[in-house]
Amino acid sequence: MKFSEYQKLAGQYAVYPAKGNNYSYPALGVTAEAGEVVNKIKRVIRDNDGIMSEGDKKSIGHEIGDVLWYLATLATELDQDLGKIAQNNLDKLQGRKDRGTLHGAGDIR
């Protein structure tokens, strides 16, 4: 599935206050769901010495899906195409690789 297609389909399930003029709701959702991803990973580290079961992987995958949904919804709120965002990110990373600056800090490198 292409990101742009996912974004359009994901919009069918967007129900929140002031939809279409509310970037803060999906932005908060991204961080909340990302927190659930890392919390599940934390529990695997704590409870299972970092060894992930297939069930853990599946559960974390579901949370990653929730992160993706909120990202798609946020992109829509910002009038951005998720497919273009993804491509621009890959182009940026390729440029860094070409310049030997994948490692390091800062947005501009």
C-alpha atoms as a PDB file:
ATOM      1  CA  MET A   1       0.000   0.000   0.000  1.00  0.00           C
ATOM      2  CA  LYS A   2       1.210   3.492  -0.770  1.00  0.00           C
ATOM      3  CA  PHE A   3       1.359   6.095   1.963  1.00  0.00           C
ATOM      4  CA  SER A   4      -0.901   8.481   0.056  1.00  0.00           C
ATOM      5  CA  GLU A   5      -3.543   5.780  -0.277  1.00  0.00           C
ATOM      6  CA  TYR A   6      -3.235   4.891   3.397  1.00  0.00           C
ATOM      7  CA  GLN A   7      -3.648   8.548   4.346  1.00  0.00           C
ATOM      8  CA  LYS A   8      -6.890   8.846   2.398  1.00  0.00           C
ATOM      9  CA  LEU A   9      -8.295   5.630   3.832  1.00  0.00           C
ATOM     10  CA  ALA A  10      -7.184   6.478   7.381  1.00  0.00           C
ATOM     11  CA  GLY A  11      -9.130   9.719   7.189  1.00  0.00           C
ATOM     12  CA  GLN A  12     -12.372   7.715   7.202  1.00  0.00           C
ATOM     13  CA  TYR A  13     -11.755   6.907  10.856  1.00  0.00           C
ATOM     14  CA  ALA A  14     -10.774  10.366  12.040  1.00  0.00           C
ATOM     15  CA  VAL A  15     -13.293  11.484  14.635  1.00  0.00           C
ATOM     16  CA  TYR A  16     -12.136  14.262  16.957  1.00  0.00           C
ATOM     17  CA  PRO A  17     -13.029  17.868  17.827  1.00  0.00           C
ATOM     18  CA  ALA A  18     -12.623  20.435  15.043  1.00  0.00           C
ATOM     19  CA  LYS A  19     -11.408  17.836  12.557  1.00  0.00           C
ATOM     20  CA  GLY A  20      -9.933  19.663   9.585  1.00  0.00           C
ATOM     21  CA  ASN A  21      -8.718  22.521  11.745  1.00  0.00           C
ATOM     22  CA  ASN A  22      -7.051  20.784  14.676  1.00  0.00           C
ATOM     23  CA  TYR A  23      -3.425  19.732  14.260  1.00  0.00           C
ATOM     24  CA  SER A  24      -2.882  19.475  18.021  1.00  0.00           C
ATOM     25  CA  TYR A  25      -5.137  16.453  18.542  1.00  0.00           C
ATOM     26  CA  PRO A  26      -3.301  14.135  16.122  1.00  0.00           C
ATOM     27  CA  ALA A  27       0.083  15.545  17.204  1.00  0.00           C
ATOM     28  CA  LEU A  28      -0.701  14.580  20.788  1.00  0.00           C
ATOM     29  CA  GLY A  29      -1.896  11.201  19.558  1.00  0.00           C
ATOM     30  CA  VAL A  30       1.455  10.557  17.843  1.00  0.00           C
ATOM     31  CA  THR A  31       3.328  11.055  21.095  1.00  0.00           C
ATOM     32  CA  ALA A  32       0.831   9.051  23.147  1.00  0.00           C
ATOM     33  CA  GLU A  33       0.983   6.071  20.796  1.00  0.00           C
ATOM     34  CA  ALA A  34       4.778   6.299  20.443  1.00  0.00           C
ATOM     35  CA  GLY A  35       4.883   6.140  24.227  1.00  0.00           C
ATOM     36  CA  GLU A  36       2.870   2.931  24.103  1.00  0.00           C
ATOM     37  CA  VAL A  37       5.391   1.453  21.639  1.00  0.00           C
ATOM     38  CA  VAL A  38       8.360   2.194  23.871  1.00  0.00           C
ATOM     39  CA  ASN A  39       6.490   1.127  27.009  1.00  0.00           C
ATOM     40  CA  LYS A  40       5.892  -2.310  25.505  1.00  0.00           C
ATOM     41  CA  ILE A  41       9.578  -2.529  24.584  1.00  0.00           C
ATOM     42  CA  LYS A  42      10.522  -1.430  28.102  1.00  0.00           C
ATOM     43  CA  ARG A  43       8.428  -4.251  29.533  1.00  0.00           C
ATOM     44  CA  VAL A  44      10.148  -6.791  27.283  1.00  0.00           C
ATOM     45  CA  ILE A  45      13.498  -5.548  28.583  1.00  0.00           C
ATOM     46  CA  ARG A  46      12.305  -5.627  32.198  1.00  0.00           C
ATOM     47  CA  ASP A  47      10.312  -8.841  32.162  1.00  0.00           C
ATOM     48  CA  ASN A  48      12.010 -10.965  29.520  1.00  0.00           C
ATOM     49  CA  ASP A  49      15.646  -9.808  29.384  1.00  0.00           C
ATOM     50  CA  GLY A  50      14.946  -8.076  26.088  1.00  0.00           C
ATOM     51  CA  ILE A  51      13.902 -11.242  24.309  1.00  0.00           C
ATOM     52  CA  MET A  52      10.813 -10.566  22.206  1.00  0.00           C
ATOM     53  CA  SER A  53       8.177 -13.165  21.647  1.00  0.00           C
ATOM     54  CA  GLU A  54       6.110 -13.250  18.492  1.00  0.00           C
ATOM     55  CA  GLY A  55       3.218 -11.964  20.595  1.00  0.00           C
ATOM     56  CA  ASP A  56       5.338  -9.004  21.737  1.00  0.00           C
ATOM     57  CA  LYS A  57       6.265  -8.205  18.147  1.00  0.00           C
ATOM     58  CA  LYS A  58       2.635  -8.392  17.053  1.00  0.00           C
ATOM     59  CA  SER A  59       1.475  -6.201  19.932  1.00  0.00           C
ATOM     60  CA  ILE A  60       4.164  -3.603  19.214  1.00  0.00           C
ATOM     61  CA  GLY A  61       3.237  -3.745  15.527  1.00  0.00           C
ATOM     62  CA  HIS A  62      -0.337  -2.805  16.437  1.00  0.00           C
ATOM     63  CA  GLU A  63       0.939   0.217  18.355  1.00  0.00           C
ATOM     64  CA  ILE A  64       3.162   1.218  15.426  1.00  0.00           C
ATOM     65  CA  GLY A  65       0.017   1.100  13.301  1.00  0.00           C
ATOM     66  CA  ASP A  66      -1.634   3.528  15.706  1.00  0.00           C
ATOM     67  CA  VAL A  67       1.380   5.853  15.406  1.00  0.00           C
ATOM     68  CA  LEU A  68       1.068   5.649  11.624  1.00  0.00           C
ATOM     69  CA  TRP A  69      -2.622   6.516  11.765  1.00  0.00           C
ATOM     70  CA  TYR A  70      -1.970   9.605  13.852  1.00  0.00           C
ATOM     71  CA  LEU A  71       0.889  10.637  11.554  1.00  0.00           C
ATOM     72  CA  ALA A  72      -1.381  10.299   8.530  1.00  0.00           C
ATOM     73  CA  THR A  73      -4.078  12.314  10.269  1.00  0.00           C
ATOM     74  CA  LEU A  74      -1.568  14.995  11.272  1.00  0.00           C
ATOM     75  CA  ALA A  75      -0.302  15.197   7.695  1.00  0.00           C
ATOM     76  CA  THR A  76      -3.878  15.680   6.527  1.00  0.00           C
ATOM     77  CA  GLU A  77      -4.442  18.434   9.083  1.00  0.00           C
ATOM     78  CA  LEU A  78      -1.302  20.161   7.772  1.00  0.00           C
ATOM     79  CA  ASP A  79      -2.446  19.710   4.158  1.00  0.00           C
ATOM     80  CA  GLN A  80       0.556  17.499   3.430  1.00  0.00           C
ATOM     81  CA  ASP A  81       0.717  14.279   1.449  1.00  0.00           C
ATOM     82  CA  LEU A  82       2.169  11.438   3.512  1.00  0.00           C
ATOM     83  CA  GLY A  83       3.637   9.827   0.390  1.00  0.00           C
ATOM     84  CA  LYS A  84       5.504  13.034  -0.456  1.00  0.00           C
ATOM     85  CA  ILE A  85       6.657  13.369   3.146  1.00  0.00           C
ATOM     86  CA  ALA A  86       8.042   9.821   3.000  1.00  0.00           C
ATOM     87  CA  GLN A  87       9.802  10.448  -0.315  1.00  0.00           C
ATOM     88  CA  ASN A  88      11.252  13.768   0.874  1.00  0.00           C
ATOM     89  CA  ASN A  89      12.593  12.008   3.964  1.00  0.00           C
ATOM     90  CA  LEU A  90      14.300   9.332   1.852  1.00  0.00           C
ATOM     91  CA  ASP A  91      15.748  12.036  -0.411  1.00  0.00           C
ATOM     92  CA  LYS A  92      17.113  13.866   2.644  1.00  0.00           C
ATOM     93  CA  LEU A  93      18.674  10.661   3.991  1.00  0.00           C
ATOM     94  CA  GLN A  94      20.195   9.832   0.603  1.00  0.00           C
ATOM     95  CA  GLY A  95      21.725  13.317   0.487  1.00  0.00           C
ATOM     96  CA  ARG A  96      23.240  12.785   3.925  1.00  0.00           C
ATOM     97  CA  LYS A  97      24.570   9.397   2.859  1.00  0.00           C
ATOM     98  CA  ASP A  98      26.083  10.911  -0.280  1.00  0.00           C
ATOM     99  CA  ARG A  99      27.790  13.610   1.829  1.00  0.00           C
ATOM    100  CA  GLY A 100      28.891  11.123   4.491  1.00  0.00           C
ATOM    101  CA  THR A 101      26.793  12.854   7.153  1.00  0.00           C
ATOM    102  CA  LEU A 102      24.326  10.139   8.187  1.00  0.00           C
ATOM    103  CA  HIS A 103      26.019  10.124  11.599  1.00  0.00           C
ATOM    104  CA  GLY A 104      25.990  13.274  13.651  1.00  0.00           C
ATOM    105  CA  ALA A 105      23.454  15.670  15.042  1.00  0.00           C
ATOM    106  CA  GLY A 106      21.354  18.493  13.733  1.00  0.00           C
ATOM    107  CA  ASP A 107      18.784  18.845  11.009  1.00  0.00           C
ATOM    108  CA  ILE A 108      21.116  20.477   8.507  1.00  0.00           C
ATOM    109  CA  ARG A 109      24.115  18.271   7.747  1.00  0.00           C
END
